[in-house]
C-alpha atoms as a PDB file:
ATOM      1  CA  MET A   1     210.607 189.012  36.351  1.00  0.00           C
ATOM      2  CA  ASN A   2     212.099 192.143  34.793  1.00  0.00           C
ATOM      3  CA  TYR A   3     215.812 192.809  35.308  1.00  0.00           C
ATOM      4  CA  ALA A   4     218.512 195.363  34.480  1.00  0.00           C
ATOM      5  CA  VAL A   5     219.252 196.044  30.806  1.00  0.00           C
ATOM      6  CA  SER A   6     222.835 196.876  29.823  1.00  0.00           C
ATOM      7  CA  VAL A   7     223.889 198.212  26.422  1.00  0.00           C
ATOM      8  CA  GLY A   8     227.450 199.469  26.119  1.00  0.00           C
ATOM      9  CA  THR A   9     228.129 201.632  29.164  1.00  0.00           C
ATOM     10  CA  ALA A  10     224.425 202.233  29.892  1.00  0.00           C
ATOM     11  CA  THR A  11     222.652 200.103  32.493  1.00  0.00           C
ATOM     12  CA  ALA A  12     219.043 200.713  33.513  1.00  0.00           C
ATOM     13  CA  LYS A  13     217.288 198.870  36.303  1.00  0.00           C
ATOM     14  CA  PRO A  14     213.537 198.170  36.035  1.00  0.00           C
ATOM     15  CA  GLY A  15     211.624 201.442  36.049  1.00  0.00           C
ATOM     16  CA  GLU A  16     214.732 203.480  35.194  1.00  0.00           C
ATOM     17  CA  ARG A  17     216.386 205.099  32.197  1.00  0.00           C
ATOM     18  CA  ALA A  18     220.089 205.422  31.418  1.00  0.00           C
ATOM     19  CA  LYS A  19     222.390 207.060  28.888  1.00  0.00           C
ATOM     20  CA  GLY A  20     225.726 205.741  27.716  1.00  0.00           C
ATOM     21  CA  VAL A  21     227.805 204.831  24.698  1.00  0.00           C
ATOM     22  CA  ILE A  22     228.818 201.820  22.649  1.00  0.00           C
ATOM     23  CA  GLU A  23     232.591 202.069  22.310  1.00  0.00           C
ATOM     24  CA  VAL A  24     234.138 201.154  18.963  1.00  0.00           C
ATOM     25  CA  SER A  25     237.768 202.166  18.414  1.00  0.00           C
ATOM     26  CA  ARG A  26     240.136 205.125  18.503  1.00  0.00           C
ATOM     27  CA  LEU A  27     240.893 207.448  15.613  1.00  0.00           C
ATOM     28  CA  ALA A  28     244.394 208.646  14.740  1.00  0.00           C
ATOM     29  CA  SER A  29     243.704 211.716  16.899  1.00  0.00           C
ATOM     30  CA  GLY A  30     243.216 209.482  19.913  1.00  0.00           C
ATOM     31  CA  ASP A  31     239.493 210.236  20.097  1.00  0.00           C
ATOM     32  CA  MET A  32     237.254 207.265  20.846  1.00  0.00           C
ATOM     33  CA  VAL A  33     234.504 206.536  18.331  1.00  0.00           C
ATOM     34  CA  THR A  34     231.319 205.992  20.329  1.00  0.00           C
ATOM     35  CA  LEU A  35     227.640 205.499  19.541  1.00  0.00           C
ATOM     36  CA  PRO A  36     225.282 207.278  21.960  1.00  0.00           C
ATOM     37  CA  VAL A  37     222.653 204.958  23.415  1.00  0.00           C
ATOM     38  CA  HIS A  38     219.515 205.429  25.508  1.00  0.00           C
ATOM     39  CA  VAL A  39     218.097 202.555  27.544  1.00  0.00           C
ATOM     40  CA  ILE A  40     214.585 202.904  28.959  1.00  0.00           C
ATOM     41  CA  ASN A  41     213.808 199.845  31.057  1.00  0.00           C
ATOM     42  CA  GLY A  42     210.167 199.437  31.960  1.00  0.00           C
ATOM     43  CA  ALA A  43     208.929 198.586  35.414  1.00  0.00           C
ATOM     44  CA  LYS A  44     206.925 195.730  33.882  1.00  0.00           C
ATOM     45  CA  ASP A  45     207.877 192.735  31.750  1.00  0.00           C
ATOM     46  CA  GLY A  46     207.654 192.915  27.978  1.00  0.00           C
ATOM     47  CA  PRO A  47     209.635 192.812  24.728  1.00  0.00           C
ATOM     48  CA  ARG A  48     212.715 194.858  23.903  1.00  0.00           C
ATOM     49  CA  LEU A  49     212.360 197.251  20.979  1.00  0.00           C
ATOM     50  CA  TRP A  50     215.554 198.715  19.497  1.00  0.00           C
ATOM     51  CA  ILE A  51     215.164 201.907  17.463  1.00  0.00           C
ATOM     52  CA  ASN A  52     218.123 202.875  15.299  1.00  0.00           C
ATOM     53  CA  ALA A  53     218.733 206.089  13.351  1.00  0.00           C
ATOM     54  CA  ALA A  54     221.419 207.886  11.312  1.00  0.00           C
ATOM     55  CA  LEU A  55     223.066 204.762  10.000  1.00  0.00           C
ATOM     56  CA  HIS A  56     223.746 207.193   7.152  1.00  0.00           C
ATOM     57  CA  GLY A  57     224.993 210.372   8.775  1.00  0.00           C
ATOM     58  CA  ASN A  58     222.889 212.878   6.837  1.00  0.00           C
ATOM     59  CA  GLU A  59     219.516 211.275   7.601  1.00  0.00           C
ATOM     60  CA  PHE A  60     218.281 213.618  10.313  1.00  0.00           C
ATOM     61  CA  ASN A  61     214.500 213.152  10.552  1.00  0.00           C
ATOM     62  CA  GLY A  62     214.767 209.791  12.284  1.00  0.00           C
ATOM     63  CA  ILE A  63     217.170 211.177  14.889  1.00  0.00           C
ATOM     64  CA  ILE A  64     214.635 213.753  16.021  1.00  0.00           C
ATOM     65  CA  SER A  65     211.728 211.274  15.936  1.00  0.00           C
ATOM     66  CA  ALA A  66     213.708 208.844  18.100  1.00  0.00           C
ATOM     67  CA  LEU A  67     214.796 211.500  20.605  1.00  0.00           C
ATOM     68  CA  ARG A  68     211.205 212.692  20.965  1.00  0.00           C
ATOM     69  CA  LEU A  69     210.292 209.145  21.891  1.00  0.00           C
ATOM     70  CA  VAL A  70     213.012 209.105  24.567  1.00  0.00           C
ATOM     71  CA  GLU A  71     211.385 212.102  26.228  1.00  0.00           C
ATOM     72  CA  ALA A  72     207.849 210.750  25.850  1.00  0.00           C
ATOM     73  CA  ILE A  73     208.321 207.345  27.493  1.00  0.00           C
ATOM     74  CA  ASP A  74     207.678 206.943  31.208  1.00  0.00           C
ATOM     75  CA  PRO A  75     209.634 203.867  32.368  1.00  0.00           C
ATOM     76  CA  ALA A  76     207.199 203.415  35.247  1.00  0.00           C
ATOM     77  CA  GLU A  77     204.429 202.785  32.701  1.00  0.00           C
ATOM     78  CA  LEU A  78     206.519 200.818  30.195  1.00  0.00           C
ATOM     79  CA  SER A  79     206.376 197.048  29.718  1.00  0.00           C
ATOM     80  CA  GLY A  80     209.705 195.792  28.407  1.00  0.00           C
ATOM     81  CA  ALA A  81     212.556 198.009  27.265  1.00  0.00           C
ATOM     82  CA  VAL A  82     213.208 200.568  24.551  1.00  0.00           C
ATOM     83  CA  ILE A  83     216.794 200.926  23.351  1.00  0.00           C
ATOM     84  CA  ILE A  84     217.626 203.835  21.050  1.00  0.00           C
ATOM     85  CA  THR A  85     220.813 204.505  19.096  1.00  0.00           C
ATOM     86  CA  PRO A  86     219.967 207.896  17.559  1.00  0.00           C
ATOM     87  CA  ILE A  87     223.303 208.336  15.758  1.00  0.00           C
ATOM     88  CA  SER A  88     224.673 204.952  14.735  1.00  0.00           C
ATOM     89  CA  ASN A  89     227.352 206.351  12.408  1.00  0.00           C
ATOM     90  CA  PRO A  90     228.860 209.297  14.303  1.00  0.00           C
ATOM     91  CA  LEU A  91     231.695 209.692  11.789  1.00  0.00           C
ATOM     92  CA  ALA A  92     229.296 210.259   8.901  1.00  0.00           C
ATOM     93  CA  PHE A  93     227.058 212.388  11.138  1.00  0.00           C
ATOM     94  CA  TYR A  94     229.899 214.773  12.029  1.00  0.00           C
ATOM     95  CA  ALA A  95     230.630 215.130   8.312  1.00  0.00           C
ATOM     96  CA  ARG A  96     226.921 215.534   7.462  1.00  0.00           C
ATOM     97  CA  ALA A  97     227.548 212.781   4.922  1.00  0.00           C
ATOM     98  CA  ARG A  98     225.992 209.482   3.889  1.00  0.00           C
ATOM     99  CA  PHE A  99     229.244 207.507   4.231  1.00  0.00           C
ATOM    100  CA  SER A 100     232.108 207.486   6.739  1.00  0.00           C
ATOM    101  CA  PRO A 101     234.756 209.971   5.562  1.00  0.00           C
ATOM    102  CA  GLN A 102     237.630 208.013   7.127  1.00  0.00           C
ATOM    103  CA  ASP A 103     237.292 204.979   4.863  1.00  0.00           C
ATOM    104  CA  GLY A 104     234.404 205.807   2.513  1.00  0.00           C
ATOM    105  CA  GLY A 105     232.438 202.969   4.069  1.00  0.00           C
ATOM    106  CA  ASN A 106     228.675 202.601   3.779  1.00  0.00           C
ATOM    107  CA  LEU A 107     227.493 201.396   7.177  1.00  0.00           C
ATOM    108  CA  GLY A 108     224.292 200.243   5.490  1.00  0.00           C
ATOM    109  CA  GLU A 109     226.289 197.568   3.663  1.00  0.00           C
ATOM    110  CA  SER A 110     228.741 196.682   6.457  1.00  0.00           C
ATOM    111  CA  TYR A 111     226.879 194.334   8.827  1.00  0.00           C
ATOM    112  CA  PRO A 112     227.594 192.106  10.670  1.00  0.00           C
ATOM    113  CA  GLY A 113     230.913 193.938  10.609  1.00  0.00           C
ATOM    114  CA  ALA A 114     234.429 192.931  11.614  1.00  0.00           C
ATOM    115  CA  ALA A 115     236.318 193.452  14.869  1.00  0.00           C
ATOM    116  CA  THR A 116     239.555 194.394  13.105  1.00  0.00           C
ATOM    117  CA  GLY A 117     238.321 195.647   9.731  1.00  0.00           C
ATOM    118  CA  PRO A 118     238.062 199.241   8.476  1.00  0.00           C
ATOM    119  CA  ILE A 119     236.456 201.643  10.948  1.00  0.00           C
ATOM    120  CA  THR A 120     232.987 201.419   9.375  1.00  0.00           C
ATOM    121  CA  LYS A 121     233.101 197.625   9.677  1.00  0.00           C
ATOM    122  CA  GLN A 122     234.144 198.011  13.300  1.00  0.00           C
ATOM    123  CA  ILE A 123     231.163 200.270  14.003  1.00  0.00           C
ATOM    124  CA  ALA A 124     228.882 197.625  12.493  1.00  0.00           C
ATOM    125  CA  PHE A 125     230.544 194.865  14.525  1.00  0.00           C
ATOM    126  CA  HIS A 126     230.203 196.516  17.940  1.00  0.00           C
ATOM    127  CA  HIS A 127     226.731 197.871  17.158  1.00  0.00           C
ATOM    128  CA  PHE A 128     225.383 194.531  15.946  1.00  0.00           C
ATOM    129  CA  ASN A 129     226.867 192.633  18.880  1.00  0.00           C
ATOM    130  CA  GLU A 130     224.761 194.760  21.229  1.00  0.00           C
ATOM    131  CA  VAL A 131     221.678 194.398  19.024  1.00  0.00           C
ATOM    132  CA  LYS A 132     221.977 190.597  18.999  1.00  0.00           C
ATOM    133  CA  LYS A 133     222.150 190.474  22.781  1.00  0.00           C
ATOM    134  CA  ASN A 134     219.330 192.882  23.491  1.00  0.00           C
ATOM    135  CA  ALA A 135     216.748 193.292  20.708  1.00  0.00           C
ATOM    136  CA  ASP A 136     213.481 191.419  20.232  1.00  0.00           C
ATOM    137  CA  TYR A 137     212.477 193.863  17.451  1.00  0.00           C
ATOM    138  CA  LEU A 138     214.401 196.540  15.560  1.00  0.00           C
ATOM    139  CA  ILE A 139     213.188 199.559  13.589  1.00  0.00           C
ATOM    140  CA  ASP A 140     215.852 201.189  11.409  1.00  0.00           C
ATOM    141  CA  LEU A 141     215.122 204.834  10.553  1.00  0.00           C
ATOM    142  CA  HIS A 142     216.465 206.179   7.265  1.00  0.00           C
ATOM    143  CA  ALA A 143     215.654 208.923   4.742  1.00  0.00           C
ATOM    144  CA  SER A 144     215.499 209.167   0.970  1.00  0.00           C
ATOM    145  CA  GLY A 145     218.693 210.325  -0.748  1.00  0.00           C
ATOM    146  CA  VAL A 146     219.434 213.961  -1.552  1.00  0.00           C
ATOM    147  CA  THR A 147     219.073 213.353  -5.301  1.00  0.00           C
ATOM    148  CA  ASN A 148     215.471 212.158  -4.890  1.00  0.00           C
ATOM    149  CA  ARG A 149     212.083 213.769  -4.333  1.00  0.00           C
ATOM    150  CA  SER A 150     210.059 211.361  -2.236  1.00  0.00           C
ATOM    151  CA  LYS A 151     207.526 210.757   0.491  1.00  0.00           C
ATOM    152  CA  SER A 152     208.081 208.447   3.433  1.00  0.00           C
ATOM    153  CA  TYR A 153     207.984 204.736   2.592  1.00  0.00           C
ATOM    154  CA  SER A 154     209.141 201.484   4.159  1.00  0.00           C
ATOM    155  CA  VAL A 155     211.235 198.472   3.171  1.00  0.00           C
ATOM    156  CA  LEU A 156     210.822 194.931   4.532  1.00  0.00           C
ATOM    157  CA  LYS A 157     213.300 192.287   3.362  1.00  0.00           C
ATOM    158  CA  TYR A 158     212.013 188.724   3.194  1.00  0.00           C
ATOM    159  CA  SER A 159     214.701 186.132   3.857  1.00  0.00           C
ATOM    160  CA  GLY A 160     212.988 182.770   4.262  1.00  0.00           C
ATOM    161  CA  HIS A 161     211.830 183.111   7.885  1.00  0.00           C
ATOM    162  CA  PRO A 162     208.010 183.246   7.622  1.00  0.00           C
ATOM    163  CA  GLU A 163     207.195 183.775  11.303  1.00  0.00           C
ATOM    164  CA  THR A 164     209.771 186.551  11.661  1.00  0.00           C
ATOM    165  CA  GLU A 165     208.520 188.128   8.438  1.00  0.00           C
ATOM    166  CA  LYS A 166     204.903 188.115   9.637  1.00  0.00           C
ATOM    167  CA  ARG A 167     205.797 189.740  12.944  1.00  0.00           C
ATOM    168  CA  ALA A 168     207.876 192.338  11.116  1.00  0.00           C
ATOM    169  CA  LEU A 169     205.094 193.156   8.639  1.00  0.00           C
ATOM    170  CA  ASP A 170     202.499 193.469  11.402  1.00  0.00           C
ATOM    171  CA  LEU A 171     204.739 195.931  13.259  1.00  0.00           C
ATOM    172  CA  LEU A 172     205.673 197.806  10.101  1.00  0.00           C
ATOM    173  CA  LEU A 173     202.076 198.523   9.111  1.00  0.00           C
ATOM    174  CA  VAL A 174     201.141 200.155  12.423  1.00  0.00           C
ATOM    175  CA  ASN A 175     203.661 202.894  11.603  1.00  0.00           C
ATOM    176  CA  GLY A 176     201.112 204.261   9.159  1.00  0.00           C
ATOM    177  CA  ILE A 177     203.328 204.472   6.064  1.00  0.00           C
ATOM    178  CA  HIS A 178     201.241 204.462   2.879  1.00  0.00           C
ATOM    179  CA  LEU A 179     203.726 202.761   0.530  1.00  0.00           C
ATOM    180  CA  ASN A 180     205.438 199.646   1.901  1.00  0.00           C
ATOM    181  CA  CYS A 181     207.950 197.737  -0.206  1.00  0.00           C
ATOM    182  CA  SER A 182     208.616 194.080   0.521  1.00  0.00           C
ATOM    183  CA  VAL A 183     211.789 192.723  -1.048  1.00  0.00           C
ATOM    184  CA  ASP A 184     212.463 189.028  -1.685  1.00  0.00           C
ATOM    185  CA  THR A 185     216.151 188.575  -0.924  1.00  0.00           C
ATOM    186  CA  LEU A 186     216.054 184.926  -2.013  1.00  0.00           C
ATOM    187  CA  GLY A 187     214.431 185.300  -5.427  1.00  0.00           C
ATOM    188  CA  LYS A 188     214.569 187.575  -8.460  1.00  0.00           C
ATOM    189  CA  ASN A 189     214.005 191.193  -7.607  1.00  0.00           C
ATOM    190  CA  ASP A 190     214.996 194.226  -9.635  1.00  0.00           C
ATOM    191  CA  GLU A 191     216.563 195.885  -6.617  1.00  0.00           C
ATOM    192  CA  PRO A 192     218.821 198.831  -7.433  1.00  0.00           C
ATOM    193  CA  VAL A 193     221.244 198.531  -4.506  1.00  0.00           C
ATOM    194  CA  PRO A 194     222.986 195.625  -2.726  1.00  0.00           C
ATOM    195  CA  LEU A 195     220.823 193.889  -0.142  1.00  0.00           C
ATOM    196  CA  THR A 196     223.605 192.183   1.779  1.00  0.00           C
ATOM    197  CA  GLY A 197     225.197 193.881   4.745  1.00  0.00           C
ATOM    198  CA  SER A 198     222.142 195.797   5.925  1.00  0.00           C
ATOM    199  CA  LEU A 199     221.293 195.938   9.621  1.00  0.00           C
ATOM    200  CA  ASP A 200     217.641 195.036   9.142  1.00  0.00           C
ATOM    201  CA  LEU A 201     218.386 191.993   6.971  1.00  0.00           C
ATOM    202  CA  GLU A 202     221.023 190.704   9.389  1.00  0.00           C
ATOM    203  CA  CYS A 203     218.435 190.991  12.155  1.00  0.00           C
ATOM    204  CA  MET A 204     215.787 189.168  10.120  1.00  0.00           C
ATOM    205  CA  GLN A 205     218.182 186.304   9.440  1.00  0.00           C
ATOM    206  CA  ILE A 206     218.658 185.652  13.152  1.00  0.00           C
ATOM    207  CA  GLY A 207     214.964 185.910  14.009  1.00  0.00           C
ATOM    208  CA  ILE A 208     214.702 189.572  15.052  1.00  0.00           C
ATOM    209  CA  PRO A 209     211.777 191.196  13.178  1.00  0.00           C
ATOM    210  CA  SER A 210     213.159 194.319  11.544  1.00  0.00           C
ATOM    211  CA  PHE A 211     212.525 196.788   8.728  1.00  0.00           C
ATOM    212  CA  MET A 212     213.519 200.195   7.401  1.00  0.00           C
ATOM    213  CA  LEU A 213     211.405 203.343   7.545  1.00  0.00           C
ATOM    214  CA  GLU A 214     212.515 205.900   4.965  1.00  0.00           C
ATOM    215  CA  LEU A 215     211.375 209.123   6.645  1.00  0.00           C
ATOM    216  CA  GLY A 216     211.361 212.058   4.264  1.00  0.00           C
ATOM    217  CA  HIS A 217     214.583 213.398   2.795  1.00  0.00           C
ATOM    218  CA  ALA A 218     218.232 213.388   3.827  1.00  0.00           C
ATOM    219  CA  ASN A 219     219.995 216.667   4.724  1.00  0.00           C
ATOM    220  CA  ARG A 220     216.771 218.122   6.118  1.00  0.00           C
ATOM    221  CA  VAL A 221     214.692 218.219   9.278  1.00  0.00           C
ATOM    222  CA  GLU A 222     211.065 218.132   8.116  1.00  0.00           C
ATOM    223  CA  GLU A 223     208.701 218.731  11.033  1.00  0.00           C
ATOM    224  CA  ASP A 224     205.718 216.926   9.522  1.00  0.00           C
ATOM    225  CA  VAL A 225     207.899 213.902   8.763  1.00  0.00           C
ATOM    226  CA  VAL A 226     209.492 213.953  12.218  1.00  0.00           C
ATOM    227  CA  GLN A 227     206.081 214.033  13.895  1.00  0.00           C
ATOM    228  CA  SER A 228     204.632 211.261  11.734  1.00  0.00           C
ATOM    229  CA  GLY A 229     207.714 209.154  12.464  1.00  0.00           C
ATOM    230  CA  PHE A 230     207.266 209.753  16.187  1.00  0.00           C
ATOM    231  CA  ASN A 231     203.558 208.883  15.964  1.00  0.00           C
ATOM    232  CA  GLY A 232     204.428 205.623  14.230  1.00  0.00           C
ATOM    233  CA  LEU A 233     206.922 204.689  16.935  1.00  0.00           C
ATOM    234  CA  VAL A 234     204.353 205.366  19.652  1.00  0.00           C
ATOM    235  CA  ASN A 235     201.845 203.215  17.769  1.00  0.00           C
ATOM    236  CA  SER A 236     204.496 200.489  17.549  1.00  0.00           C
ATOM    237  CA  LEU A 237     204.791 200.480  21.337  1.00  0.00           C
ATOM    238  CA  ARG A 238     201.019 200.150  21.627  1.00  0.00           C
ATOM    239  CA  HIS A 239     201.006 197.282  19.102  1.00  0.00           C
ATOM    240  CA  LEU A 240     203.654 195.436  21.121  1.00  0.00           C
ATOM    241  CA  LYS A 241     201.634 196.079  24.310  1.00  0.00           C
ATOM    242  CA  MET A 242     204.566 197.984  25.769  1.00  0.00           C
ATOM    243  CA  ILE A 243     202.411 201.019  26.611  1.00  0.00           C
ATOM    244  CA  GLU A 244     198.707 201.524  27.175  1.00  0.00           C
ATOM    245  CA  GLY A 245     196.496 202.902  24.438  1.00  0.00           C
ATOM    246  CA  GLU A 246     194.518 201.825  21.415  1.00  0.00           C
ATOM    247  CA  VAL A 247     196.481 201.038  18.269  1.00  0.00           C
ATOM    248  CA  VAL A 248     195.664 203.571  15.560  1.00  0.00           C
ATOM    249  CA  LYS A 249     194.380 201.825  12.423  1.00  0.00           C
ATOM    250  CA  HIS A 250     195.444 202.994   8.964  1.00  0.00           C
ATOM    251  CA  GLU A 251     193.423 202.567   5.787  1.00  0.00           C
ATOM    252  CA  GLY A 252     194.577 202.211   2.194  1.00  0.00           C
ATOM    253  CA  GLN A 253     198.123 201.062   2.839  1.00  0.00           C
ATOM    254  CA  VAL A 254     199.923 199.459  -0.106  1.00  0.00           C
ATOM    255  CA  VAL A 255     202.379 196.545   0.096  1.00  0.00           C
ATOM    256  CA  THR A 256     204.440 195.899  -3.047  1.00  0.00           C
ATOM    257  CA  THR A 257     206.728 192.996  -3.925  1.00  0.00           C
ATOM    258  CA  GLU A 258     209.404 194.513  -6.173  1.00  0.00           C
ATOM    259  CA  ARG A 259     211.297 197.751  -6.712  1.00  0.00           C
ATOM    260  CA  PHE A 260     212.994 199.030  -9.843  1.00  0.00           C
ATOM    261  CA  ILE A 261     214.685 202.041 -11.402  1.00  0.00           C
ATOM    262  CA  VAL A 262     213.288 203.917 -14.410  1.00  0.00           C
ATOM    263  CA  ARG A 263     215.932 205.536 -16.635  1.00  0.00           C
ATOM    264  CA  CYS A 264     215.808 207.999 -19.507  1.00  0.00           C
ATOM    265  CA  LYS A 265     217.394 207.321 -22.900  1.00  0.00           C
ATOM    266  CA  ARG A 266     217.994 210.929 -23.957  1.00  0.00           C
ATOM    267  CA  SER A 267     219.910 213.728 -22.262  1.00  0.00           C
ATOM    268  CA  GLY A 268     218.260 217.028 -21.467  1.00  0.00           C
ATOM    269  CA  LEU A 269     215.937 218.835 -19.062  1.00  0.00           C
ATOM    270  CA  VAL A 270     213.511 216.698 -17.060  1.00  0.00           C
ATOM    271  CA  VAL A 271     209.921 217.805 -16.495  1.00  0.00           C
ATOM    272  CA  GLN A 272     208.111 215.368 -14.212  1.00  0.00           C
ATOM    273  CA  ALA A 273     204.519 214.396 -15.011  1.00  0.00           C
ATOM    274  CA  VAL A 274     203.762 212.490 -11.787  1.00  0.00           C
ATOM    275  CA  GLN A 275     204.275 212.816  -8.037  1.00  0.00           C
ATOM    276  CA  PRO A 276     205.722 210.490  -5.361  1.00  0.00           C
ATOM    277  CA  HIS A 277     203.246 207.790  -4.270  1.00  0.00           C
ATOM    278  CA  ASP A 278     201.141 208.225  -7.430  1.00  0.00           C
ATOM    279  CA  HIS A 279     199.778 204.957  -8.812  1.00  0.00           C
ATOM    280  CA  VAL A 280     200.403 204.863 -12.555  1.00  0.00           C
ATOM    281  CA  HIS A 281     199.533 202.396 -15.286  1.00  0.00           C
ATOM    282  CA  ARG A 282     201.573 200.850 -18.059  1.00  0.00           C
ATOM    283  CA  GLY A 283     202.085 203.446 -20.772  1.00  0.00           C
ATOM    284  CA  ASP A 284     201.477 206.486 -18.560  1.00  0.00           C
ATOM    285  CA  ILE A 285     203.978 209.304 -19.042  1.00  0.00           C
ATOM    286  CA  LEU A 286     206.299 209.683 -16.050  1.00  0.00           C
ATOM    287  CA  CYS A 287     208.376 212.581 -17.337  1.00  0.00           C
ATOM    288  CA  ARG A 288     209.396 214.403 -20.503  1.00  0.00           C
ATOM    289  CA  ILE A 289     212.922 215.220 -21.630  1.00  0.00           C
ATOM    290  CA  TYR A 290     213.503 218.512 -23.486  1.00  0.00           C
ATOM    291  CA  ASP A 291     216.569 220.002 -25.121  1.00  0.00           C
ATOM    292  CA  PRO A 292     217.730 223.559 -24.231  1.00  0.00           C
ATOM    293  CA  PHE A 293     215.636 224.961 -27.108  1.00  0.00           C
ATOM    294  CA  GLY A 294     212.419 223.463 -25.711  1.00  0.00           C
ATOM    295  CA  GLU A 295     212.141 220.620 -28.225  1.00  0.00           C
ATOM    296  CA  LEU A 296     210.643 217.426 -26.826  1.00  0.00           C
ATOM    297  CA  LEU A 297     213.213 214.639 -27.067  1.00  0.00           C
ATOM    298  CA  GLU A 298     211.625 211.790 -25.107  1.00  0.00           C
ATOM    299  CA  GLU A 299     208.574 210.798 -23.145  1.00  0.00           C
ATOM    300  CA  VAL A 300     209.561 208.329 -20.437  1.00  0.00           C
ATOM    301  CA  CYS A 301     206.633 205.975 -19.842  1.00  0.00           C
ATOM    302  CA  ALA A 302     205.811 203.353 -17.247  1.00  0.00           C
ATOM    303  CA  GLU A 303     206.571 199.867 -18.506  1.00  0.00           C
ATOM    304  CA  LYS A 304     204.112 198.336 -16.014  1.00  0.00           C
ATOM    305  CA  ASP A 305     201.512 199.378 -13.452  1.00  0.00           C
ATOM    306  CA  MET A 306     203.398 200.738 -10.468  1.00  0.00           C
ATOM    307  CA  HIS A 307     203.572 203.091  -7.520  1.00  0.00           C
ATOM    308  CA  ILE A 308     206.039 205.964  -7.632  1.00  0.00           C
ATOM    309  CA  ILE A 309     208.470 205.833  -4.702  1.00  0.00           C
ATOM    310  CA  SER A 310     210.619 208.779  -5.715  1.00  0.00           C
ATOM    311  CA  LEU A 311     211.572 211.040  -8.605  1.00  0.00           C
ATOM    312  CA  LYS A 312     214.734 212.752  -9.750  1.00  0.00           C
ATOM    313  CA  GLU A 313     215.104 215.921  -7.656  1.00  0.00           C
ATOM    314  CA  ASP A 314     216.881 218.143 -10.176  1.00  0.00           C
ATOM    315  CA  CYS A 315     215.950 218.735 -13.801  1.00  0.00           C
ATOM    316  CA  VAL A 316     219.251 217.853 -15.501  1.00  0.00           C
ATOM    317  CA  ALA A 317     219.570 214.360 -16.958  1.00  0.00           C
ATOM    318  CA  SER A 318     222.130 212.506 -19.011  1.00  0.00           C
ATOM    319  CA  SER A 319     221.326 209.429 -21.045  1.00  0.00           C
ATOM    320  CA  GLY A 320     220.791 206.493 -18.687  1.00  0.00           C
ATOM    321  CA  ASP A 321     220.132 208.592 -15.608  1.00  0.00           C
ATOM    322  CA  ARG A 322     217.606 207.486 -13.026  1.00  0.00           C
ATOM    323  CA  VAL A 323     214.482 209.634 -13.357  1.00  0.00           C
ATOM    324  CA  ALA A 324     212.110 207.601 -11.187  1.00  0.00           C
ATOM    325  CA  PHE A 325     212.066 204.799  -8.631  1.00  0.00           C
ATOM    326  CA  GLY A 326     209.016 202.550  -8.695  1.00  0.00           C
ATOM    327  CA  ALA A 327     207.405 199.633  -6.899  1.00  0.00           C
ATOM    328  CA  ALA A 328     204.834 197.069  -7.981  1.00  0.00           C
END
């Protein structure tokens, strides 16, 4: 039988919705750091889906997608519960920044957190404690960094739990993302950033299917991206049989098994020769580097067949700079 769902200060009985906060700690000003939370508790039994956004404070598309879902769900017709933390790093959000300004912490590398650590670790600790108690699935909404030109893509981190990984992949694919990157956290993978400390990986390691959706670009609200993110979340609810409706099928989706950075050797002006999500072959030209007089200095080529995740946003490059991000 369904029963009340409590997250932080929000408690929703079956067939109800509630708003509240997850309390963290006080700042020097005396202000309490809190994470806003929505709890929509269905009138019928079913799984609990947690949707998280703005773990990095300047990733806005996911916030709007998640809030649209809040308005769209009728708890009387819902099976299970939907829990949404639309702004999971309020400190970074207020600063319109990727990291927390108080301690420079990256919440994306801070889980499972610490009760008495720096403030970013404390956010992770209190957030993750609620996730562990309440989530059967978790979708973590992100956005590509401001230095990149990208299209939406996803990341699924394999961690040696096959059943959890299968359930996560099945849910991921109904979101309709074309390029989906699976990452082996146990083996060799040319991953450009640390894998430890991420919310989705911590969830996977305790049996909660989870993944990241990189929705568009940071520092922007892109309506087409917001709507596609919302559509994917609705399709996720259908897939989990939490709402009525036929699951929308998507054709031509790609699942890769490694990610890597492509760097230039020469400094100069970058002229890209490909676009995000292009499939290129070994030897194809990705970009050209010119000097200020227009002389060609370097052609940066693909070292293997790969899909382009993102490209350098601006045209100025120094030797060793990242000019592309690929997956194969």
